[in-house]
Amino acid sequence: MKSSIAYLSSIIVLASCSSGSVEPVNLGDDQVDSVELSLSSFEGSWDGYVEAYQFPSGSDRLRIVLDASGHGGIELGEAPPIPPFRDPTKRYPEGVGMYSEELAFEGFAYPALEAEVIDGRIKLSSELNALYKDFCAAQTGYEQVDWIGGAIVPGSPVLEGAMPVPNG
């Protein structure tokens, strides 16, 4: 499920300009009429914060790293990196409850996707399920069971041992 990071644009305040380049980066402030901005105008490492919000670690930090074509990563908070997925028999990320209310986790570099410059501002999105990509690929897939009123529809595919099939 793609979730736009654009909603953050109204609450993100960048604390500093590009930390990865000596060249000044035009952010599109009052110069948008006279300067045409492109994705390469936003290339760099951006370190800022989410206003009036704290992640579970207590941090409000937001880091965005973009290359000249708008590809890169988005990191939230100050938590240590989430270890890479290793065991398909364990919940991932380990230590997180099945019904966690977190939509995005600290300690993971989410991909920056669909970056574009509109009216002098950069707009991008991310794939919040990117954290689970390797975990999901390692899981066994099952056919979907058709349900009508809580009963299995005759003739539907049911995996042996998945659930009891009523007689008759």
N, C-alpha and C. Protein backbone atom coordinates (compact mmCIF):
# COMPACT_ATOMS: atom_id res chain seq x y z
N MET A 1 0.85 -1.17 0.00
CA MET A 1 0.00 0.00 0.00
C MET A 1 0.90 1.23 0.00
N LYS A 2 0.66 2.06 -0.97
CA LYS A 2 1.44 3.29 -1.02
C LYS A 2 0.79 4.32 -0.13
N SER A 3 1.61 4.98 0.60
CA SER A 3 1.11 6.04 1.46
C SER A 3 1.93 7.27 1.17
N SER A 4 1.27 8.29 0.83
CA SER A 4 1.98 9.50 0.44
C SER A 4 2.65 10.16 1.62
N ILE A 5 3.86 10.55 1.39
CA ILE A 5 4.59 11.30 2.40
C ILE A 5 4.25 12.78 2.24
N ALA A 6 3.46 13.08 1.23
CA ALA A 6 3.10 14.48 0.97
C ALA A 6 2.38 15.09 2.17
N TYR A 7 1.64 14.27 2.94
CA TYR A 7 0.95 14.83 4.09
C TYR A 7 1.94 15.41 5.09
N LEU A 8 3.16 14.91 5.07
CA LEU A 8 4.17 15.45 5.96
C LEU A 8 4.64 16.83 5.53
N SER A 9 4.40 17.17 4.25
CA SER A 9 4.94 18.43 3.75
C SER A 9 4.44 19.64 4.52
N SER A 10 3.25 19.53 5.09
CA SER A 10 2.73 20.68 5.83
C SER A 10 3.31 20.77 7.24
N ILE A 11 3.93 19.68 7.72
CA ILE A 11 4.47 19.74 9.08
C ILE A 11 5.98 19.56 9.14
N ILE A 12 6.60 19.33 8.00
CA ILE A 12 8.05 19.17 8.00
C ILE A 12 8.72 20.53 7.96
N VAL A 13 9.63 20.74 8.84
CA VAL A 13 10.45 21.93 8.82
C VAL A 13 11.88 21.45 8.72
N LEU A 14 12.56 21.82 7.66
CA LEU A 14 13.93 21.37 7.50
C LEU A 14 14.85 22.20 8.37
N ALA A 15 15.63 21.52 9.19
CA ALA A 15 16.49 22.21 10.14
C ALA A 15 17.77 22.71 9.49
N SER A 16 18.18 22.08 8.42
CA SER A 16 19.39 22.55 7.75
C SER A 16 19.32 22.20 6.28
N CYS A 17 20.14 22.85 5.49
CA CYS A 17 20.17 22.55 4.07
C CYS A 17 21.03 21.32 3.85
N SER A 18 21.34 21.07 2.62
CA SER A 18 22.07 19.86 2.26
C SER A 18 23.33 19.70 3.08
N SER A 19 23.47 18.55 3.71
CA SER A 19 24.67 18.30 4.49
C SER A 19 25.70 17.52 3.69
N GLY A 20 25.32 17.09 2.47
CA GLY A 20 26.22 16.28 1.68
C GLY A 20 26.91 17.04 0.57
N SER A 21 26.72 18.33 0.48
CA SER A 21 27.28 19.08 -0.63
C SER A 21 27.74 20.45 -0.16
N VAL A 22 28.81 20.94 -0.76
CA VAL A 22 29.30 22.28 -0.44
C VAL A 22 28.49 23.31 -1.23
N GLU A 23 27.96 22.89 -2.38
CA GLU A 23 27.18 23.79 -3.23
C GLU A 23 25.86 24.13 -2.54
N PRO A 24 25.44 25.39 -2.60
CA PRO A 24 24.13 25.74 -2.03
C PRO A 24 23.02 25.08 -2.86
N VAL A 25 21.93 24.70 -2.19
CA VAL A 25 20.81 24.07 -2.85
C VAL A 25 19.63 25.02 -2.79
N ASN A 26 19.04 25.31 -3.94
CA ASN A 26 17.90 26.20 -4.00
C ASN A 26 16.67 25.45 -3.51
N LEU A 27 16.04 25.94 -2.45
CA LEU A 27 14.85 25.30 -1.92
C LEU A 27 13.57 25.83 -2.55
N GLY A 28 13.66 26.77 -3.43
CA GLY A 28 12.47 27.30 -4.07
C GLY A 28 11.79 28.40 -3.29
N ASP A 29 12.48 28.98 -2.30
CA ASP A 29 11.89 30.10 -1.57
C ASP A 29 11.69 31.26 -2.55
N ASP A 30 11.18 32.27 -2.29
CA ASP A 30 10.79 33.42 -3.08
C ASP A 30 11.37 33.51 -4.50
N GLN A 31 12.12 32.56 -4.97
CA GLN A 31 12.75 32.62 -6.28
C GLN A 31 12.04 31.73 -7.31
N VAL A 32 10.91 31.16 -6.98
CA VAL A 32 10.28 30.20 -7.89
C VAL A 32 9.88 30.81 -9.22
N ASP A 33 9.61 32.08 -9.26
CA ASP A 33 9.23 32.71 -10.53
C ASP A 33 10.43 32.88 -11.46
N SER A 34 11.59 33.07 -10.92
CA SER A 34 12.74 33.34 -11.76
C SER A 34 13.70 32.15 -11.88
N VAL A 35 13.50 31.10 -11.08
CA VAL A 35 14.38 29.94 -11.13
C VAL A 35 13.53 28.71 -11.38
N GLU A 36 13.85 27.99 -12.44
CA GLU A 36 13.13 26.75 -12.71
C GLU A 36 13.80 25.62 -11.94
N LEU A 37 13.05 24.98 -11.06
CA LEU A 37 13.61 23.92 -10.23
C LEU A 37 13.34 22.56 -10.87
N SER A 38 14.27 21.65 -10.67
CA SER A 38 14.10 20.27 -11.13
C SER A 38 14.45 19.36 -9.96
N LEU A 39 14.28 18.07 -10.15
CA LEU A 39 14.62 17.14 -9.08
C LEU A 39 16.07 17.27 -8.64
N SER A 40 16.94 17.56 -9.59
CA SER A 40 18.36 17.69 -9.23
C SER A 40 18.60 18.88 -8.30
N SER A 41 17.67 19.84 -8.26
CA SER A 41 17.79 20.97 -7.33
C SER A 41 17.67 20.52 -5.88
N PHE A 42 17.07 19.35 -5.66
CA PHE A 42 16.83 18.84 -4.32
C PHE A 42 17.78 17.70 -3.96
N GLU A 43 18.77 17.44 -4.79
CA GLU A 43 19.73 16.38 -4.51
C GLU A 43 20.49 16.71 -3.23
N GLY A 44 20.64 15.73 -2.35
CA GLY A 44 21.40 15.94 -1.14
C GLY A 44 20.84 15.18 0.04
N SER A 45 21.39 15.46 1.19
CA SER A 45 20.94 14.85 2.45
C SER A 45 20.23 15.93 3.25
N TRP A 46 19.00 15.68 3.58
CA TRP A 46 18.18 16.65 4.30
C TRP A 46 17.90 16.11 5.69
N ASP A 47 18.16 16.90 6.69
CA ASP A 47 17.98 16.50 8.07
C ASP A 47 17.05 17.52 8.72
N GLY A 48 15.90 17.08 9.15
CA GLY A 48 14.93 18.01 9.72
C GLY A 48 14.11 17.34 10.79
N TYR A 49 12.92 17.84 10.99
CA TYR A 49 12.06 17.27 12.03
C TYR A 49 10.61 17.38 11.60
N VAL A 50 9.78 16.57 12.25
CA VAL A 50 8.34 16.61 12.05
C VAL A 50 7.78 17.46 13.17
N GLU A 51 7.14 18.53 12.81
CA GLU A 51 6.67 19.49 13.81
C GLU A 51 5.51 18.91 14.63
N ALA A 52 5.59 19.10 15.93
CA ALA A 52 4.53 18.72 16.87
C ALA A 52 4.23 17.22 16.86
N TYR A 53 5.25 16.40 16.63
CA TYR A 53 5.07 14.95 16.65
C TYR A 53 6.35 14.29 17.15
N GLN A 54 6.21 13.23 17.91
CA GLN A 54 7.36 12.44 18.35
C GLN A 54 7.12 10.98 18.00
N PHE A 55 8.16 10.34 17.49
CA PHE A 55 8.12 8.92 17.22
C PHE A 55 8.28 8.17 18.53
N PRO A 56 8.07 6.85 18.55
CA PRO A 56 8.15 6.10 19.81
C PRO A 56 9.46 6.29 20.59
N SER A 57 10.57 6.56 19.91
CA SER A 57 11.85 6.77 20.61
C SER A 57 11.88 8.12 21.33
N GLY A 58 10.90 8.97 21.05
CA GLY A 58 10.88 10.31 21.61
C GLY A 58 11.46 11.35 20.66
N SER A 59 12.00 10.91 19.54
CA SER A 59 12.61 11.80 18.55
C SER A 59 11.56 12.33 17.58
N ASP A 60 11.85 13.50 17.01
CA ASP A 60 11.01 14.05 15.95
C ASP A 60 11.79 14.16 14.64
N ARG A 61 12.95 13.52 14.59
CA ARG A 61 13.88 13.65 13.47
C ARG A 61 13.35 12.98 12.20
N LEU A 62 13.62 13.62 11.06
CA LEU A 62 13.27 13.13 9.74
C LEU A 62 14.46 13.36 8.83
N ARG A 63 14.93 12.31 8.17
CA ARG A 63 16.05 12.43 7.23
C ARG A 63 15.61 11.97 5.86
N ILE A 64 15.93 12.75 4.86
CA ILE A 64 15.63 12.40 3.47
C ILE A 64 16.92 12.53 2.68
N VAL A 65 17.26 11.50 1.93
CA VAL A 65 18.44 11.52 1.06
C VAL A 65 17.94 11.28 -0.35
N LEU A 66 18.28 12.21 -1.27
CA LEU A 66 17.83 12.11 -2.65
C LEU A 66 19.00 12.27 -3.60
N ASP A 67 18.95 11.51 -4.70
CA ASP A 67 19.94 11.74 -5.76
C ASP A 67 19.33 12.69 -6.79
N ALA A 68 20.04 12.98 -7.85
CA ALA A 68 19.60 13.97 -8.84
C ALA A 68 18.32 13.56 -9.57
N SER A 69 17.99 12.26 -9.56
CA SER A 69 16.76 11.82 -10.22
C SER A 69 15.60 11.62 -9.25
N GLY A 70 15.80 11.97 -7.98
CA GLY A 70 14.72 11.90 -6.99
C GLY A 70 14.63 10.56 -6.28
N HIS A 71 15.56 9.66 -6.52
CA HIS A 71 15.57 8.37 -5.81
C HIS A 71 16.36 8.51 -4.52
N GLY A 72 15.95 7.76 -3.52
CA GLY A 72 16.66 7.83 -2.26
C GLY A 72 15.89 7.17 -1.15
N GLY A 73 16.06 7.68 0.07
CA GLY A 73 15.43 7.07 1.22
C GLY A 73 14.91 8.09 2.21
N ILE A 74 13.99 7.63 3.05
CA ILE A 74 13.36 8.44 4.08
C ILE A 74 13.51 7.69 5.39
N GLU A 75 14.11 8.31 6.39
CA GLU A 75 14.29 7.68 7.69
C GLU A 75 13.62 8.53 8.76
N LEU A 76 12.98 7.86 9.70
CA LEU A 76 12.25 8.51 10.77
C LEU A 76 12.91 8.26 12.11
N GLY A 77 12.95 9.26 12.97
CA GLY A 77 13.37 9.08 14.34
C GLY A 77 14.83 8.77 14.56
N GLU A 78 15.12 8.26 15.76
CA GLU A 78 16.50 7.99 16.19
C GLU A 78 16.72 6.55 16.63
N ALA A 79 15.78 5.67 16.41
CA ALA A 79 15.93 4.28 16.85
C ALA A 79 17.06 3.62 16.08
N PRO A 80 17.71 2.61 16.69
CA PRO A 80 18.76 1.90 15.96
C PRO A 80 18.17 1.18 14.75
N PRO A 81 19.01 0.88 13.76
CA PRO A 81 18.50 0.20 12.56
C PRO A 81 17.81 -1.12 12.90
N ILE A 82 16.70 -1.38 12.20
CA ILE A 82 16.00 -2.65 12.35
C ILE A 82 16.85 -3.71 11.67
N PRO A 83 17.15 -4.82 12.36
CA PRO A 83 17.96 -5.87 11.73
C PRO A 83 17.26 -6.41 10.48
N PRO A 84 18.05 -6.83 9.49
CA PRO A 84 17.43 -7.36 8.29
C PRO A 84 16.65 -8.64 8.59
N PHE A 85 15.66 -8.92 7.77
CA PHE A 85 14.86 -10.13 7.91
C PHE A 85 15.73 -11.37 7.73
N ARG A 86 15.53 -12.38 8.61
CA ARG A 86 16.32 -13.61 8.51
C ARG A 86 15.49 -14.89 8.63
N ASP A 87 14.48 -14.91 9.48
CA ASP A 87 13.78 -16.15 9.80
C ASP A 87 12.29 -16.05 9.47
N PRO A 88 11.82 -16.80 8.44
CA PRO A 88 10.41 -16.71 8.05
C PRO A 88 9.44 -17.28 9.07
N THR A 89 9.94 -17.98 10.11
CA THR A 89 9.06 -18.54 11.13
C THR A 89 8.81 -17.58 12.28
N LYS A 90 9.50 -16.44 12.28
CA LYS A 90 9.33 -15.46 13.35
C LYS A 90 8.68 -14.19 12.82
N ARG A 91 8.00 -13.52 13.72
CA ARG A 91 7.38 -12.24 13.38
C ARG A 91 8.47 -11.24 13.01
N TYR A 92 8.16 -10.37 12.06
CA TYR A 92 9.14 -9.36 11.65
C TYR A 92 8.46 -8.01 11.56
N PRO A 93 9.10 -6.96 12.03
CA PRO A 93 10.32 -6.98 12.82
C PRO A 93 10.07 -7.59 14.18
N GLU A 94 11.07 -8.31 14.68
CA GLU A 94 10.93 -9.00 15.96
C GLU A 94 10.66 -7.98 17.06
N GLY A 95 9.83 -8.38 18.01
CA GLY A 95 9.52 -7.52 19.14
C GLY A 95 8.35 -6.58 18.90
N VAL A 96 7.79 -6.58 17.69
CA VAL A 96 6.67 -5.71 17.37
C VAL A 96 5.40 -6.56 17.41
N GLY A 97 4.40 -6.09 18.12
CA GLY A 97 3.14 -6.83 18.23
C GLY A 97 2.41 -6.93 16.90
N MET A 98 1.58 -7.95 16.80
CA MET A 98 0.84 -8.19 15.55
C MET A 98 -0.05 -7.01 15.18
N TYR A 99 -0.60 -6.35 16.16
CA TYR A 99 -1.51 -5.25 15.89
C TYR A 99 -0.89 -3.90 16.25
N SER A 100 0.35 -3.73 15.89
CA SER A 100 1.04 -2.48 16.17
C SER A 100 0.31 -1.33 15.47
N GLU A 101 0.23 -0.20 16.14
CA GLU A 101 -0.43 0.96 15.57
C GLU A 101 0.52 1.79 14.70
N GLU A 102 1.79 1.42 14.68
CA GLU A 102 2.75 2.17 13.88
C GLU A 102 2.54 1.87 12.40
N LEU A 103 2.45 2.91 11.60
CA LEU A 103 2.36 2.74 10.15
C LEU A 103 3.74 2.68 9.53
N ALA A 104 4.66 3.40 10.11
CA ALA A 104 6.04 3.43 9.64
C ALA A 104 6.94 3.31 10.87
N PHE A 105 8.04 2.60 10.71
CA PHE A 105 8.92 2.33 11.85
C PHE A 105 10.19 3.15 11.77
N GLU A 106 10.68 3.51 12.93
CA GLU A 106 12.01 4.11 13.02
C GLU A 106 13.03 3.01 12.75
N GLY A 107 14.20 3.41 12.26
CA GLY A 107 15.27 2.44 12.06
C GLY A 107 15.23 1.74 10.72
N PHE A 108 14.43 2.23 9.78
CA PHE A 108 14.36 1.64 8.44
C PHE A 108 14.37 2.76 7.42
N ALA A 109 15.12 2.58 6.35
CA ALA A 109 15.16 3.58 5.27
C ALA A 109 14.09 3.22 4.24
N TYR A 110 12.98 3.90 4.32
CA TYR A 110 11.89 3.69 3.35
C TYR A 110 12.30 4.31 2.01
N PRO A 111 11.90 3.69 0.90
CA PRO A 111 12.29 4.25 -0.40
C PRO A 111 11.53 5.54 -0.69
N ALA A 112 12.22 6.50 -1.28
CA ALA A 112 11.57 7.71 -1.77
C ALA A 112 11.10 7.38 -3.19
N LEU A 113 9.82 7.54 -3.44
CA LEU A 113 9.23 7.16 -4.73
C LEU A 113 8.46 8.33 -5.34
N GLU A 114 8.29 8.27 -6.64
CA GLU A 114 7.44 9.22 -7.38
C GLU A 114 7.77 10.68 -7.08
N ALA A 115 9.04 10.98 -6.91
CA ALA A 115 9.43 12.36 -6.61
C ALA A 115 9.16 13.25 -7.82
N GLU A 116 8.63 14.42 -7.55
CA GLU A 116 8.39 15.41 -8.60
C GLU A 116 8.40 16.80 -7.97
N VAL A 117 8.70 17.78 -8.79
CA VAL A 117 8.70 19.16 -8.33
C VAL A 117 7.45 19.82 -8.86
N ILE A 118 6.67 20.38 -7.94
CA ILE A 118 5.42 21.07 -8.31
C ILE A 118 5.43 22.42 -7.62
N ASP A 119 5.32 23.47 -8.40
CA ASP A 119 5.29 24.83 -7.86
C ASP A 119 6.46 25.11 -6.92
N GLY A 120 7.64 24.64 -7.29
CA GLY A 120 8.83 24.91 -6.51
C GLY A 120 9.01 24.07 -5.27
N ARG A 121 8.16 23.07 -5.07
CA ARG A 121 8.27 22.20 -3.91
C ARG A 121 8.40 20.76 -4.39
N ILE A 122 9.13 19.98 -3.62
CA ILE A 122 9.26 18.57 -3.98
C ILE A 122 8.14 17.78 -3.32
N LYS A 123 7.56 16.88 -4.07
CA LYS A 123 6.51 16.00 -3.58
C LYS A 123 6.99 14.59 -3.83
N LEU A 124 6.85 13.72 -2.84
CA LEU A 124 7.26 12.34 -3.01
C LEU A 124 6.38 11.44 -2.17
N SER A 125 6.48 10.16 -2.43
CA SER A 125 5.72 9.18 -1.66
C SER A 125 6.66 8.07 -1.25
N SER A 126 6.13 7.09 -0.56
CA SER A 126 6.93 5.95 -0.17
C SER A 126 6.04 4.73 -0.08
N GLU A 127 6.65 3.59 0.02
CA GLU A 127 5.95 2.32 0.18
C GLU A 127 6.15 1.88 1.62
N LEU A 128 5.12 2.04 2.45
CA LEU A 128 5.26 1.72 3.86
C LEU A 128 5.45 0.23 4.10
N ASN A 129 5.03 -0.61 3.17
CA ASN A 129 5.23 -2.04 3.31
C ASN A 129 6.61 -2.50 2.86
N ALA A 130 7.47 -1.59 2.45
CA ALA A 130 8.81 -1.96 1.98
C ALA A 130 9.58 -2.71 3.07
N LEU A 131 9.34 -2.40 4.31
CA LEU A 131 10.00 -3.08 5.41
C LEU A 131 9.74 -4.58 5.37
N TYR A 132 8.55 -4.98 4.89
CA TYR A 132 8.13 -6.38 4.91
C TYR A 132 8.41 -7.12 3.60
N LYS A 133 9.03 -6.48 2.64
CA LYS A 133 9.22 -7.08 1.32
C LYS A 133 9.87 -8.46 1.38
N ASP A 134 11.02 -8.58 2.04
CA ASP A 134 11.72 -9.87 2.12
C ASP A 134 10.95 -10.87 2.98
N PHE A 135 10.34 -10.40 4.06
CA PHE A 135 9.54 -11.26 4.93
C PHE A 135 8.38 -11.87 4.14
N CYS A 136 7.65 -11.06 3.42
CA CYS A 136 6.49 -11.55 2.68
C CYS A 136 6.91 -12.51 1.57
N ALA A 137 8.00 -12.23 0.91
CA ALA A 137 8.47 -13.10 -0.16
C ALA A 137 8.84 -14.48 0.37
N ALA A 138 9.21 -14.59 1.64
CA ALA A 138 9.61 -15.87 2.21
C ALA A 138 8.44 -16.67 2.77
N GLN A 139 7.24 -16.09 2.78
CA GLN A 139 6.08 -16.77 3.34
C GLN A 139 5.45 -17.70 2.30
N THR A 140 4.78 -18.74 2.78
CA THR A 140 4.07 -19.66 1.91
C THR A 140 2.71 -19.06 1.57
N GLY A 141 2.37 -19.02 0.31
CA GLY A 141 1.08 -18.50 -0.11
C GLY A 141 0.01 -19.58 -0.04
N TYR A 142 -1.22 -19.18 0.23
CA TYR A 142 -2.35 -20.10 0.31
C TYR A 142 -3.46 -19.59 -0.58
N GLU A 143 -4.23 -20.52 -1.12
CA GLU A 143 -5.36 -20.12 -1.94
C GLU A 143 -6.43 -19.51 -1.05
N GLN A 144 -7.17 -18.58 -1.62
CA GLN A 144 -8.23 -17.93 -0.86
C GLN A 144 -9.43 -18.86 -0.77
N VAL A 145 -10.04 -18.90 0.41
CA VAL A 145 -11.24 -19.70 0.61
C VAL A 145 -12.44 -18.79 0.46
N ASP A 146 -13.44 -19.25 -0.29
CA ASP A 146 -14.67 -18.47 -0.46
C ASP A 146 -15.60 -18.74 0.71
N TRP A 147 -16.18 -17.67 1.25
CA TRP A 147 -17.05 -17.79 2.41
C TRP A 147 -18.42 -17.21 2.09
N ILE A 148 -19.46 -17.92 2.50
CA ILE A 148 -20.81 -17.37 2.44
C ILE A 148 -21.45 -17.70 3.78
N GLY A 149 -21.76 -16.69 4.53
CA GLY A 149 -22.38 -16.90 5.84
C GLY A 149 -21.53 -17.73 6.78
N GLY A 150 -20.22 -17.68 6.64
CA GLY A 150 -19.34 -18.40 7.55
C GLY A 150 -19.11 -19.85 7.17
N ALA A 151 -19.68 -20.31 6.05
CA ALA A 151 -19.49 -21.70 5.62
C ALA A 151 -18.68 -21.72 4.33
N ILE A 152 -17.98 -22.82 4.13
CA ILE A 152 -17.21 -22.96 2.90
C ILE A 152 -18.17 -23.29 1.77
N VAL A 153 -18.06 -22.60 0.68
CA VAL A 153 -18.91 -22.84 -0.48
C VAL A 153 -18.46 -24.15 -1.13
N PRO A 154 -19.39 -25.07 -1.40
CA PRO A 154 -19.00 -26.32 -2.03
C PRO A 154 -18.21 -26.08 -3.32
N GLY A 155 -17.13 -26.84 -3.47
CA GLY A 155 -16.32 -26.71 -4.67
C GLY A 155 -15.21 -25.68 -4.56
N SER A 156 -15.16 -24.93 -3.44
CA SER A 156 -14.07 -23.96 -3.32
C SER A 156 -12.79 -24.67 -2.91
N PRO A 157 -11.64 -24.09 -3.31
CA PRO A 157 -10.37 -24.72 -2.94
C PRO A 157 -10.10 -24.53 -1.45
N VAL A 158 -9.84 -25.61 -0.76
CA VAL A 158 -9.51 -25.57 0.66
C VAL A 158 -8.23 -26.35 0.85
N LEU A 159 -7.31 -25.79 1.56
CA LEU A 159 -6.06 -26.49 1.83
C LEU A 159 -6.28 -27.52 2.93
N GLU A 160 -5.71 -28.69 2.72
CA GLU A 160 -5.85 -29.76 3.70
C GLU A 160 -5.28 -29.29 5.05
N GLY A 161 -6.06 -29.42 6.09
CA GLY A 161 -5.62 -29.05 7.42
C GLY A 161 -5.77 -27.58 7.74
N ALA A 162 -6.21 -26.77 6.78
CA ALA A 162 -6.31 -25.33 7.03
C ALA A 162 -7.47 -25.05 7.98
N MET A 163 -8.59 -25.76 7.79
CA MET A 163 -9.74 -25.59 8.67
C MET A 163 -10.66 -26.78 8.46
N PRO A 164 -11.49 -27.07 9.46
CA PRO A 164 -12.39 -28.23 9.29
C PRO A 164 -13.42 -27.95 8.20
N VAL A 165 -13.68 -28.96 7.41
CA VAL A 165 -14.68 -28.85 6.35
C VAL A 165 -15.92 -29.58 6.82
N PRO A 166 -17.11 -28.90 6.84
CA PRO A 166 -18.32 -29.55 7.33
C PRO A 166 -18.70 -30.73 6.44
N ASN A 167 -19.27 -31.77 7.07
CA ASN A 167 -19.73 -32.91 6.30
C ASN A 167 -20.99 -32.56 5.55
N GLY A 168 -21.14 -33.21 4.42
CA GLY A 168 -22.41 -33.15 3.76
C GLY A 168 -22.55 -32.30 2.63
